[in-house]
Protein backbone atom coordinates (compact mmCIF):
# COMPACT_ATOMS: atom_id res chain seq x y z
CA MET A 1 0.88 -47.19 -81.07
CA ARG A 2 1.61 -48.67 -77.65
CA ALA A 3 2.49 -52.12 -76.48
CA CYS A 4 -0.61 -53.59 -74.90
CA VAL A 5 -1.38 -56.64 -72.85
CA TRP A 6 -4.83 -58.12 -72.31
CA ALA A 7 -4.60 -59.98 -69.05
CA GLY A 8 -8.14 -61.36 -69.10
CA ARG A 9 -8.87 -63.54 -66.08
CA LEU A 10 -6.24 -62.79 -63.45
CA PRO A 11 -3.98 -65.86 -63.04
CA ARG A 12 -2.75 -67.32 -59.77
CA VAL A 13 0.76 -65.93 -60.33
CA LEU A 14 1.02 -62.40 -61.61
CA ASP A 15 4.20 -60.33 -61.37
CA GLU A 16 6.72 -58.60 -63.62
CA ARG A 17 8.09 -61.99 -64.73
CA TRP A 18 4.57 -63.11 -65.67
CA ILE A 19 3.91 -60.04 -67.78
CA ARG A 20 7.24 -60.49 -69.57
CA SER A 21 6.15 -64.02 -70.50
CA LEU A 22 3.05 -62.76 -72.32
CA HIS A 23 2.95 -62.11 -76.03
CA VAL A 24 3.09 -58.31 -76.20
CA GLU A 25 1.99 -56.77 -79.46
CA SER A 26 1.36 -53.32 -80.87
CA MET A 27 -2.33 -52.60 -81.24
CA ARG A 28 -4.30 -49.74 -82.75
CA HIS A 29 -6.62 -47.69 -80.55
CA ALA A 30 -9.53 -49.01 -82.60
CA ASP A 31 -8.64 -52.54 -81.48
CA LEU A 32 -9.04 -51.77 -77.78
CA HIS A 33 -12.72 -52.49 -77.17
CA ALA A 34 -12.75 -54.87 -74.24
CA GLU A 35 -11.82 -52.40 -71.52
CA ARG A 36 -15.00 -50.43 -72.20
CA ALA A 37 -17.11 -53.29 -70.89
CA PRO A 38 -18.40 -53.10 -67.30
CA HIS A 39 -16.33 -54.56 -64.46
CA VAL A 40 -13.09 -54.30 -66.45
CA LEU A 41 -10.04 -52.51 -65.07
CA PHE A 42 -7.76 -50.53 -67.38
CA GLN A 43 -4.22 -49.69 -66.29
CA ALA A 44 -1.62 -47.45 -67.88
CA SER A 45 1.89 -48.82 -67.20
CA THR A 46 2.79 -50.71 -63.98
CA ILE A 47 3.60 -49.81 -60.42
CA GLY A 48 6.98 -51.49 -60.92
CA ALA A 49 7.83 -49.04 -63.70
CA LEU A 50 6.70 -46.12 -61.54
CA LEU A 51 8.85 -47.34 -58.66
CA ASP A 52 11.78 -47.42 -61.07
CA GLY A 53 11.31 -43.72 -61.94
CA SER A 54 9.29 -43.94 -65.17
CA PHE A 55 7.41 -40.70 -64.56
CA ASP A 56 6.69 -39.72 -68.19
CA GLY A 57 3.76 -41.32 -69.99
CA ASP A 58 2.21 -41.07 -73.45
CA LEU A 59 -1.45 -41.54 -72.51
CA THR A 60 -3.54 -38.35 -72.39
CA PHE A 61 -6.39 -37.91 -69.95
CA ALA A 62 -8.76 -37.65 -72.91
CA GLU A 63 -7.65 -41.17 -73.89
CA LEU A 64 -7.87 -42.33 -70.29
CA ALA A 65 -11.43 -41.00 -70.01
CA ALA A 66 -12.44 -43.25 -72.91
CA ARG A 67 -11.47 -46.22 -70.77
CA GLY A 68 -12.99 -45.31 -67.41
CA ASP A 69 -14.64 -42.66 -65.26
CA PHE A 70 -13.37 -43.73 -61.84
CA GLY A 71 -9.93 -44.45 -60.44
CA LEU A 72 -6.58 -43.06 -59.41
CA GLY A 73 -3.02 -42.50 -60.55
CA THR A 74 -0.60 -39.65 -61.06
CA LEU A 75 0.47 -37.13 -63.69
CA ASN A 76 3.59 -36.67 -65.79
CA ALA A 77 6.67 -35.85 -63.70
CA LEU A 78 4.77 -37.31 -60.71
CA ASP A 79 2.99 -33.96 -60.45
CA GLY A 80 0.47 -34.80 -57.73
CA GLU A 81 -2.04 -37.51 -56.86
CA MET A 82 -4.80 -38.12 -59.42
CA ILE A 83 -8.40 -38.86 -58.45
CA ALA A 84 -11.01 -39.85 -61.06
CA LEU A 85 -14.55 -39.51 -59.73
CA ASP A 86 -17.90 -39.18 -61.52
CA GLY A 87 -16.06 -38.77 -64.83
CA GLU A 88 -13.96 -35.85 -63.58
CA PHE A 89 -10.15 -36.08 -63.35
CA LEU A 90 -8.59 -34.16 -60.47
CA ARG A 91 -5.06 -33.44 -59.24
CA ALA A 92 -4.15 -33.09 -55.57
CA ASP A 93 -0.90 -31.10 -55.54
CA VAL A 94 1.96 -31.35 -53.07
CA ASP A 95 -0.04 -29.42 -50.45
CA GLY A 96 -3.29 -31.29 -51.07
CA HIS A 97 -4.98 -28.54 -53.08
CA VAL A 98 -7.22 -29.97 -55.81
CA THR A 99 -7.57 -28.73 -59.39
CA VAL A 100 -9.12 -30.17 -62.54
CA VAL A 101 -6.82 -32.08 -64.92
CA GLY A 102 -6.91 -30.95 -68.55
CA PRO A 103 -7.69 -33.51 -71.30
CA ARG A 104 -4.30 -33.00 -72.99
CA GLU A 105 -2.28 -33.65 -69.85
CA ARG A 106 -0.65 -37.06 -69.66
CA THR A 107 -0.21 -39.82 -67.12
CA PRO A 108 2.64 -42.26 -66.50
CA PHE A 109 0.45 -44.46 -64.28
CA ALA A 110 -3.29 -44.74 -63.74
CA VAL A 111 -5.97 -47.35 -63.05
CA VAL A 112 -9.56 -46.66 -64.10
CA THR A 113 -12.84 -48.45 -64.64
CA ARG A 114 -16.43 -47.66 -65.49
CA PHE A 115 -17.72 -47.81 -61.96
CA GLU A 116 -20.82 -50.00 -61.74
CA PRO A 117 -21.02 -51.27 -58.15
CA THR A 118 -22.76 -54.53 -57.34
CA VAL A 119 -22.42 -54.17 -53.57
CA GLU A 120 -23.59 -51.25 -51.45
CA ALA A 121 -23.68 -51.11 -47.65
CA GLU A 122 -23.31 -48.88 -44.63
CA VAL A 123 -20.04 -49.27 -42.75
CA ALA A 124 -19.75 -48.21 -39.12
CA ALA A 125 -17.79 -49.08 -36.01
CA GLY A 126 -19.27 -50.73 -32.97
CA GLN A 127 -19.73 -49.20 -29.54
CA GLY A 128 -17.23 -48.30 -26.86
CA PRO A 129 -17.37 -47.09 -23.26
CA GLY A 130 -18.23 -43.46 -22.59
CA ALA A 131 -19.21 -41.23 -19.66
CA ALA A 132 -22.88 -42.07 -20.17
CA GLY A 133 -22.42 -45.76 -20.97
CA LEU A 134 -21.85 -47.27 -24.40
CA VAL A 135 -21.41 -44.74 -27.22
CA PRO A 136 -20.59 -45.16 -30.93
CA ALA A 137 -16.87 -45.86 -31.37
CA PRO A 138 -14.89 -44.24 -34.19
CA LEU A 139 -14.15 -46.39 -37.23
CA ASP A 140 -10.39 -46.36 -37.76
CA HIS A 141 -8.72 -47.06 -41.08
CA GLU A 142 -7.81 -50.69 -40.41
CA ALA A 143 -11.38 -51.39 -39.29
CA LEU A 144 -12.69 -49.73 -42.45
CA LEU A 145 -10.51 -51.92 -44.69
CA ALA A 146 -11.53 -55.02 -42.74
CA ALA A 147 -15.19 -54.09 -43.23
CA LEU A 148 -14.62 -53.69 -46.98
CA ASP A 149 -12.99 -57.13 -47.06
CA ARG A 150 -16.12 -58.60 -45.48
CA LEU A 151 -18.37 -56.84 -48.01
CA ALA A 152 -16.45 -58.12 -51.02
CA PRO A 153 -18.29 -60.82 -52.97
CA PRO A 154 -16.87 -64.33 -52.42
CA GLY A 155 -14.07 -65.07 -54.86
CA ALA A 156 -13.62 -61.42 -55.91
CA SER A 157 -9.88 -61.21 -56.57
CA SER A 158 -9.93 -57.49 -57.34
CA PHE A 159 -12.42 -54.67 -57.00
CA ALA A 160 -12.92 -50.95 -57.31
CA VAL A 161 -14.24 -49.30 -54.16
CA ARG A 162 -15.82 -45.98 -53.27
CA VAL A 163 -16.44 -44.85 -49.69
CA ASP A 164 -18.48 -41.68 -49.06
CA GLY A 165 -19.22 -39.86 -45.84
CA ARG A 166 -17.91 -37.59 -43.13
CA PHE A 167 -14.50 -38.33 -41.68
CA GLU A 168 -13.15 -37.08 -38.38
CA LEU A 169 -9.73 -37.32 -39.97
CA VAL A 170 -8.09 -38.18 -43.26
CA ARG A 171 -4.31 -38.33 -43.16
CA ALA A 172 -3.06 -37.92 -46.72
CA ARG A 173 0.01 -37.13 -48.73
CA SER A 174 1.22 -35.89 -52.09
CA VAL A 175 4.67 -35.41 -53.59
CA PRO A 176 6.36 -32.50 -55.38
CA ARG A 177 6.72 -32.42 -59.15
CA GLN A 178 9.94 -34.11 -60.24
CA GLU A 179 12.58 -33.07 -62.75
CA PRO A 180 14.63 -35.46 -64.91
CA PRO A 181 16.75 -37.42 -64.43
CA TYR A 182 14.09 -39.00 -62.28
CA ARG A 183 14.87 -40.71 -58.99
CA PRO A 184 13.17 -43.98 -57.94
CA LEU A 185 9.79 -43.46 -56.29
CA ALA A 186 11.02 -44.70 -52.91
CA GLU A 187 13.49 -41.79 -52.83
CA VAL A 188 10.88 -39.28 -54.00
CA VAL A 189 8.51 -40.30 -51.21
CA ALA A 190 11.12 -39.15 -48.69
CA ASP A 191 10.15 -35.63 -49.83
CA GLN A 192 6.41 -36.21 -49.56
CA HIS A 193 4.15 -33.70 -47.86
CA VAL A 194 1.82 -35.29 -45.30
CA PHE A 195 -1.24 -33.33 -44.18
CA GLU A 196 -4.38 -33.95 -42.16
CA LEU A 197 -7.93 -33.10 -43.23
CA ALA A 198 -10.16 -32.78 -40.15
CA ASP A 199 -13.96 -33.04 -39.99
CA VAL A 200 -14.21 -33.41 -43.74
CA GLU A 201 -16.91 -34.85 -45.97
CA GLY A 202 -15.80 -36.55 -49.13
CA SER A 203 -15.01 -39.71 -51.06
CA MET A 204 -12.29 -42.33 -50.98
CA VAL A 205 -11.75 -43.97 -54.34
CA GLY A 206 -9.47 -46.82 -55.24
CA PHE A 207 -8.89 -50.52 -55.65
CA ARG A 208 -8.02 -53.70 -53.85
CA PHE A 209 -5.71 -56.16 -55.63
CA PRO A 210 -4.52 -59.59 -54.49
CA ALA A 211 -0.93 -60.25 -53.38
CA TYR A 212 0.01 -62.00 -56.61
CA VAL A 213 -0.32 -58.81 -58.70
CA GLU A 214 2.41 -56.99 -56.77
CA GLY A 215 4.80 -55.42 -59.25
CA ILE A 216 2.02 -54.83 -61.76
CA GLU A 217 -0.17 -53.11 -59.16
CA VAL A 218 -0.20 -52.32 -55.45
CA ALA A 219 -1.23 -55.44 -53.55
CA GLY A 220 -3.98 -54.72 -51.04
CA TYR A 221 -5.76 -51.37 -50.90
CA HIS A 222 -4.69 -48.26 -52.81
CA LEU A 223 -6.96 -45.30 -51.99
CA HIS A 224 -7.08 -41.59 -52.81
CA PHE A 225 -9.41 -39.03 -51.22
CA VAL A 226 -11.13 -35.86 -52.36
CA ASP A 227 -13.54 -33.72 -50.35
CA THR A 228 -17.06 -32.95 -51.51
CA ALA A 229 -16.09 -29.41 -52.54
CA ARG A 230 -13.28 -30.87 -54.71
CA ARG A 231 -10.78 -28.56 -53.03
CA ARG A 232 -8.62 -30.88 -50.91
CA GLY A 233 -7.35 -34.42 -51.33
CA GLY A 234 -4.45 -36.81 -51.72
CA HIS A 235 -3.16 -40.34 -51.28
CA VAL A 236 -4.76 -41.88 -48.17
CA LEU A 237 -2.42 -42.93 -45.37
CA ASP A 238 -4.95 -43.15 -42.53
CA SER A 239 -8.53 -42.22 -41.66
CA ARG A 240 -11.08 -42.19 -38.88
CA SER A 241 -14.83 -41.69 -38.89
CA ALA A 242 -17.37 -41.35 -36.09
CA THR A 243 -20.40 -41.61 -38.36
CA PRO A 244 -21.50 -44.39 -40.75
CA LEU A 245 -19.95 -44.40 -44.21
CA ARG A 246 -21.49 -45.52 -47.49
CA ALA A 247 -19.37 -48.17 -49.22
CA ARG A 248 -19.80 -49.38 -52.81
CA ILE A 249 -17.83 -52.17 -54.46
CA ASP A 250 -17.42 -53.05 -58.14
CA PRO A 251 -15.72 -56.48 -58.39
CA SER A 252 -13.60 -57.44 -61.39
CA ASP A 253 -11.23 -60.17 -62.49
CA ASP A 254 -10.44 -58.61 -65.89
CA LEU A 255 -7.40 -56.36 -66.16
CA HIS A 256 -6.06 -54.60 -69.25
CA VAL A 257 -2.51 -53.28 -68.93
CA GLU A 258 -1.21 -50.87 -71.57
CA LEU A 259 2.56 -50.44 -71.65
CA PRO A 260 4.04 -47.15 -72.94
CA PRO A 261 7.12 -47.56 -75.15
CA ALA A 262 9.42 -46.16 -72.44
CA VAL A 263 8.55 -48.93 -69.96
CA ASP A 264 11.22 -51.64 -69.91
CA LEU A 265 10.22 -54.91 -68.28
CA THR A 266 13.30 -56.87 -69.29
CA ASP A 267 15.17 -56.58 -65.98
CA PRO A 268 14.83 -60.00 -64.29
CA ASP A 269 15.49 -58.47 -60.87
CA LEU A 270 12.75 -55.83 -61.15
CA ALA A 271 10.22 -57.84 -59.13
CA ALA A 272 12.65 -58.87 -56.40
CA ALA A 273 12.60 -55.61 -54.42
CA THR A 274 9.05 -54.64 -55.36
CA HIS A 275 7.38 -55.40 -52.02
CA ALA A 276 9.72 -53.28 -49.91
CA ALA A 277 9.64 -50.45 -52.43
CA ILE A 278 5.84 -50.44 -52.62
CA ASP A 279 5.54 -50.52 -48.83
CA ALA A 280 7.82 -47.49 -48.55
CA ALA A 281 6.02 -45.61 -51.33
CA GLU A 282 2.48 -46.41 -50.18
CA HIS A 283 2.85 -46.01 -46.44
CA GLY A 284 5.55 -43.35 -46.33
């Protein structure tokens, strides 16, 4: 059994203190039906726990697959960046090399959904000056995220997003496998390996969450990348594309958080330093 929380409609205030105020109860696997519905997000543990060094989980990837076919996360001992795409679970190791994750491997943190997009559009940059007049301008990462914001349905507090196409550049990272006693994530990220994938076709997968979920999740965008050949990937730090990209969005305001027994949310100061720690972990 695991402690589980059904968050339902996301409230206006959502942080570690909020989740501690919920009634948390042990539930059988057979009781967990709701997360299988469309447009529902399932999360194993919290980003706050991961920041605090909780790198061992009790959820297998076989169990995770029953809850979603699309998403991201990591593996036990923080052994790489996880990408879930088209029902396949992949690991990008410390050097960005991708392998398939076995069903018996476990995760200390993951977010998945059954991806059923309601929005689909082409995303491209405008035009800029060139030797022969106006030419297509590259779409940088900030412009891509701004375009996704504009595509999001009105009132969508959270959504899963997939962006496919050819990128001039994807700047990504992964981290080395850790050994106990585990250090906080912000310290681990100091040892991250950053690499650049040039002229690469592939998919960005991830989520956008509102600011009030920080501590439970990463506020804003959290994206991982894998190339079409499923050979290279990692946590996205930056990107640039000179050709149009295909963007798909699956909005959701239902979140199911499942807490492994090892996760302790009783520290009243846990949320206080979350923003700075997430910023360091996400942006290196």
